[in-house]
Amino acid sequence: MIARFILIWVTLPLYSLLAQEITMTLMPEECAPGDLVRLSFELESETFTEMTIGYLSPEGIHPVVTEKIPIEFNSQTQRYVQKEYWILQAMHSGEFLFSDLMVTLDGLADIKPIKMEPIRLSVTGFARTEDSATPEAWPPYLEDQAPISRWFWAVVMIAICFAFYQLIQSKKKGKLLQQDLTTEDPLSLISHRLRCGEFPANAIESWLETDDAQGKHALRTSLQQALYAKTYDPDALLEHLDKETQI
């Protein structure tokens, strides 16, 4: 009885100073393989100290990341508060016991490292299902949905082919029109491009080298000025071209 009283009397200061101030929680305490859990530590102390946690990971537990919160002073309780979080991942099912957790308080030489109470993590396995030779049924919405008719796809393909045909024909007509203007009447081509907002420098230069340009001095001068000086009146030039093409 006396020995028990002495033991309680000796351990009581350490219990009141540390056990009520260091808390450790595991959330959640039950999970499935691959899930993440959080192991939290919190220390409240009247004197400034920093806790260092020694940890030996049980086999099958993978440490992912550690987060340490800076020490704060709580003006209401007049205590220093510090927290630390461990994110862990269970690699397989089973019972895992965290029993080798040691907390050291830096700066307090009289206090030896404290061994925390073991905490258990239960990792449940995945449920098994028996194999069956019967194939799985289609989802209800697929059974109720009517299949798309082949005629619908045929109409779509015809419409696409017709659109491509029209595009090809329009390009061919444009090329033929441009070719006709170039081979039959270069001045008409120049006039056409000027009306479209383009400046046909190559077409003008080609026409200036022809025999027809030698006999049309006024038009040749206007086109040379437009080609080389880059200063011309588009309306006046078009009017001059129209007169020459009508002659």
Protein backbone atom coordinates (compact mmCIF):
# COMPACT_ATOMS: atom_id res chain seq x y z
CA MET A 1 0.00 0.00 0.00
CA ILE A 2 2.83 2.38 0.92
CA ALA A 3 4.76 1.49 -2.26
CA ARG A 4 1.67 2.10 -4.37
CA PHE A 5 1.20 5.50 -2.72
CA ILE A 6 4.83 6.44 -3.43
CA LEU A 7 4.47 5.36 -7.09
CA ILE A 8 1.34 7.48 -7.52
CA TRP A 9 2.96 10.43 -5.79
CA VAL A 10 6.05 10.28 -8.01
CA THR A 11 4.18 9.89 -11.32
CA LEU A 12 1.42 12.41 -10.57
CA PRO A 13 3.40 15.58 -11.55
CA LEU A 14 4.43 14.05 -14.86
CA TYR A 15 0.83 12.97 -15.56
CA SER A 16 -0.61 16.38 -14.76
CA LEU A 17 2.08 18.17 -16.76
CA LEU A 18 2.14 15.97 -19.83
CA ALA A 19 -0.61 13.35 -20.14
CA GLN A 20 -3.39 15.92 -19.99
CA GLU A 21 -1.58 18.20 -22.40
CA ILE A 22 -0.42 15.80 -25.13
CA THR A 23 -3.29 14.37 -27.16
CA MET A 24 -3.13 11.95 -30.06
CA THR A 25 -6.05 11.12 -32.36
CA LEU A 26 -6.46 8.91 -35.41
CA MET A 27 -9.14 9.76 -37.98
CA PRO A 28 -10.68 7.54 -39.11
CA GLU A 29 -9.90 4.51 -36.98
CA GLU A 30 -11.25 2.14 -39.64
CA CYS A 31 -10.64 2.32 -43.39
CA ALA A 32 -10.12 0.26 -46.54
CA PRO A 33 -6.80 -0.51 -48.27
CA GLY A 34 -5.49 2.54 -50.08
CA ASP A 35 -7.46 5.06 -48.00
CA LEU A 36 -5.72 7.98 -46.31
CA VAL A 37 -5.91 8.49 -42.54
CA ARG A 38 -4.65 11.32 -40.36
CA LEU A 39 -2.70 10.87 -37.13
CA SER A 40 -2.82 14.14 -35.12
CA PHE A 41 -0.70 15.30 -32.19
CA GLU A 42 -1.38 18.35 -30.04
CA LEU A 43 0.67 19.71 -27.14
CA GLU A 44 -0.34 22.43 -24.66
CA SER A 45 2.38 23.57 -22.28
CA GLU A 46 2.87 26.40 -19.83
CA THR A 47 6.52 26.80 -20.83
CA PHE A 48 7.83 27.25 -24.36
CA THR A 49 8.98 23.93 -25.74
CA GLU A 50 8.91 22.12 -29.05
CA MET A 51 7.87 18.51 -29.37
CA THR A 52 9.73 16.05 -31.57
CA ILE A 53 7.95 12.82 -32.41
CA GLY A 54 9.88 9.63 -33.06
CA TYR A 55 7.93 7.28 -35.25
CA LEU A 56 8.44 3.75 -36.49
CA SER A 57 5.93 2.96 -39.21
CA PRO A 58 4.28 -0.47 -38.90
CA GLU A 59 4.77 -2.78 -41.84
CA GLY A 60 2.02 -2.12 -44.37
CA ILE A 61 1.59 1.58 -43.46
CA HIS A 62 2.99 4.10 -45.94
CA PRO A 63 3.71 7.68 -44.69
CA VAL A 64 2.52 10.18 -47.30
CA VAL A 65 3.15 13.65 -45.86
CA THR A 66 3.83 15.38 -42.53
CA GLU A 67 2.47 18.81 -41.64
CA LYS A 68 3.80 20.73 -38.65
CA ILE A 69 1.87 23.78 -37.40
CA PRO A 70 3.99 26.61 -35.91
CA ILE A 71 3.80 27.12 -32.15
CA GLU A 72 1.12 29.59 -31.03
CA PHE A 73 0.47 31.23 -27.67
CA ASN A 74 -3.15 31.07 -26.43
CA SER A 75 -3.78 34.25 -24.47
CA GLN A 76 -6.94 32.84 -22.89
CA THR A 77 -5.36 29.70 -21.42
CA GLN A 78 -1.87 31.25 -21.11
CA ARG A 79 -0.40 28.16 -22.76
CA TYR A 80 1.70 27.39 -25.79
CA VAL A 81 -0.07 25.23 -28.38
CA GLN A 82 1.55 23.24 -31.15
CA LYS A 83 0.13 20.65 -33.55
CA GLU A 84 1.47 18.09 -35.97
CA TYR A 85 -0.39 15.98 -38.54
CA TRP A 86 0.68 12.80 -40.29
CA ILE A 87 -1.09 11.58 -43.41
CA LEU A 88 -0.76 7.80 -43.71
CA GLN A 89 -1.93 5.18 -46.19
CA ALA A 90 -2.71 1.53 -45.48
CA MET A 91 -1.33 -0.77 -48.17
CA HIS A 92 -3.36 -3.87 -47.24
CA SER A 93 -6.03 -5.05 -44.85
CA GLY A 94 -5.35 -6.02 -41.25
CA GLU A 95 -4.89 -4.61 -37.75
CA PHE A 96 -2.08 -2.08 -37.34
CA LEU A 97 -0.87 -0.99 -33.90
CA PHE A 98 1.05 2.27 -33.52
CA SER A 99 3.01 1.34 -30.40
CA ASP A 100 6.43 2.94 -30.94
CA LEU A 101 5.52 6.63 -30.72
CA MET A 102 7.99 8.63 -28.62
CA VAL A 103 7.58 12.36 -27.88
CA THR A 104 10.62 14.42 -26.87
CA LEU A 105 10.23 17.94 -25.50
CA ASP A 106 13.16 20.06 -26.64
CA GLY A 107 14.55 22.45 -24.03
CA LEU A 108 13.27 20.50 -21.03
CA ALA A 109 16.27 18.48 -19.88
CA ASP A 110 14.58 17.02 -16.79
CA ILE A 111 11.84 15.28 -18.77
CA LYS A 112 12.71 12.06 -20.56
CA PRO A 113 11.13 11.04 -23.89
CA ILE A 114 7.50 10.08 -23.39
CA LYS A 115 6.06 6.93 -24.92
CA MET A 116 2.52 7.48 -26.13
CA GLU A 117 -0.28 5.02 -25.55
CA PRO A 118 -0.65 2.57 -28.49
CA ILE A 119 -3.39 3.34 -30.97
CA ARG A 120 -4.95 0.84 -33.36
CA LEU A 121 -6.00 1.16 -37.00
CA SER A 122 -8.40 -1.41 -38.50
CA VAL A 123 -8.17 -1.85 -42.27
CA THR A 124 -11.05 -3.91 -43.63
CA GLY A 125 -10.64 -5.96 -46.78
CA PHE A 126 -12.75 -5.62 -49.89
CA ALA A 127 -15.87 -7.76 -50.08
CA ARG A 128 -15.66 -10.85 -52.26
CA THR A 129 -18.29 -11.85 -54.79
CA GLU A 130 -18.77 -15.30 -56.17
CA ASP A 131 -18.17 -15.84 -59.87
CA SER A 132 -21.25 -16.50 -61.96
CA ALA A 133 -21.64 -18.01 -65.41
CA THR A 134 -24.70 -15.82 -66.10
CA PRO A 135 -23.83 -12.64 -68.03
CA GLU A 136 -24.72 -9.31 -66.51
CA ALA A 137 -27.93 -7.72 -67.78
CA TRP A 138 -27.81 -4.54 -69.86
CA PRO A 139 -28.69 -1.33 -68.02
CA PRO A 140 -32.42 -0.49 -68.23
CA TYR A 141 -31.91 2.72 -70.20
CA LEU A 142 -30.08 0.80 -72.93
CA GLU A 143 -32.84 -1.78 -73.20
CA ASP A 144 -35.51 0.91 -73.54
CA GLN A 145 -33.58 2.94 -76.10
CA ALA A 146 -34.59 2.21 -79.70
CA PRO A 147 -31.71 1.46 -82.09
CA ILE A 148 -30.87 4.11 -84.69
CA SER A 149 -32.18 3.17 -88.12
CA ARG A 150 -29.75 2.43 -90.93
CA TRP A 151 -31.75 4.80 -93.13
CA PHE A 152 -30.80 7.67 -90.83
CA TRP A 153 -27.08 7.00 -91.32
CA ALA A 154 -27.61 6.64 -95.07
CA VAL A 155 -29.28 10.06 -95.25
CA VAL A 156 -26.48 11.61 -93.20
CA MET A 157 -23.80 10.15 -95.50
CA ILE A 158 -25.65 11.35 -98.62
CA ALA A 159 -25.91 14.86 -97.20
CA ILE A 160 -22.18 14.92 -96.39
CA CYS A 161 -21.23 13.66 -99.86
CA PHE A 162 -23.50 16.26 -101.50
CA ALA A 163 -21.92 19.05 -99.47
CA PHE A 164 -18.42 17.95 -100.53
CA TYR A 165 -19.56 17.74 -104.16
CA GLN A 166 -20.91 21.30 -104.05
CA LEU A 167 -17.69 22.56 -102.49
CA ILE A 168 -15.55 20.89 -105.14
CA GLN A 169 -17.74 22.24 -107.95
CA SER A 170 -17.59 25.79 -106.59
CA LYS A 171 -13.81 25.64 -106.43
CA LYS A 172 -13.64 24.32 -109.99
CA LYS A 173 -15.90 27.12 -111.24
CA GLY A 174 -13.74 29.71 -109.51
CA LYS A 175 -10.58 28.30 -111.08
CA LEU A 176 -12.17 28.16 -114.54
CA LEU A 177 -13.42 31.75 -114.21
CA GLN A 178 -9.99 32.94 -113.17
CA GLN A 179 -8.37 30.98 -116.00
CA ASP A 180 -10.77 32.44 -118.57
CA LEU A 181 -10.10 35.96 -117.38
CA THR A 182 -6.37 35.38 -117.50
CA THR A 183 -6.20 33.77 -120.93
CA GLU A 184 -8.82 35.83 -122.76
CA ASP A 185 -8.64 39.32 -121.24
CA PRO A 186 -5.90 40.23 -118.74
CA LEU A 187 -7.42 43.70 -118.27
CA SER A 188 -10.72 42.14 -117.20
CA LEU A 189 -8.84 40.09 -114.63
CA ILE A 190 -7.11 43.19 -113.29
CA SER A 191 -10.43 45.01 -113.08
CA HIS A 192 -12.11 42.06 -111.38
CA ARG A 193 -9.45 41.79 -108.66
CA LEU A 194 -9.43 45.52 -108.02
CA ARG A 195 -13.20 45.39 -107.45
CA CYS A 196 -12.65 42.52 -104.99
CA GLY A 197 -10.30 44.71 -102.95
CA GLU A 198 -7.09 43.07 -104.16
CA PHE A 199 -4.12 44.61 -105.93
CA PRO A 200 -3.06 42.22 -108.76
CA ALA A 201 0.59 43.23 -108.98
CA ASN A 202 1.65 40.11 -110.93
CA ALA A 203 -1.19 40.49 -113.44
CA ILE A 204 -0.40 44.19 -114.02
CA GLU A 205 3.31 43.48 -114.47
CA SER A 206 2.54 40.68 -116.95
CA TRP A 207 0.23 42.94 -119.01
CA LEU A 208 2.79 45.77 -119.13
CA GLU A 209 5.17 43.41 -120.98
CA THR A 210 2.61 42.60 -123.70
CA ASP A 211 2.27 44.26 -127.11
CA ASP A 212 -1.22 45.43 -126.14
CA ALA A 213 0.26 47.65 -123.43
CA GLN A 214 2.51 49.42 -125.94
CA GLY A 215 -0.51 50.70 -127.84
CA LYS A 216 -2.38 51.98 -124.76
CA HIS A 217 -0.10 54.69 -123.47
CA ALA A 218 -2.49 56.34 -121.00
CA LEU A 219 -3.58 53.09 -119.38
CA ARG A 220 0.02 51.85 -119.29
CA THR A 221 1.09 55.02 -117.48
CA SER A 222 -1.71 54.70 -114.93
CA LEU A 223 -0.92 51.07 -114.21
CA GLN A 224 2.81 51.75 -113.96
CA GLN A 225 2.16 54.51 -111.45
CA ALA A 226 -0.12 52.21 -109.43
CA LEU A 227 2.40 49.36 -109.56
CA TYR A 228 5.61 51.22 -108.78
CA ALA A 229 4.63 54.46 -107.07
CA LYS A 230 1.84 52.84 -105.02
CA THR A 231 -0.21 56.04 -105.40
CA TYR A 232 -3.37 55.73 -107.41
CA ASP A 233 -7.09 56.40 -107.32
CA PRO A 234 -8.91 53.03 -107.44
CA ASP A 235 -12.13 54.51 -108.82
CA ALA A 236 -10.33 56.41 -111.58
CA LEU A 237 -8.23 53.37 -112.46
CA LEU A 238 -11.34 51.14 -112.67
CA GLU A 239 -13.08 53.68 -114.86
CA HIS A 240 -10.07 53.79 -117.18
CA LEU A 241 -9.97 49.97 -117.32
CA ASP A 242 -13.69 49.77 -118.12
CA LYS A 243 -13.26 52.16 -121.02
CA GLU A 244 -10.35 50.16 -122.45
CA THR A 245 -12.14 46.81 -122.15
CA GLN A 246 -15.23 48.19 -123.88
CA ILE A 247 -13.31 49.47 -126.90
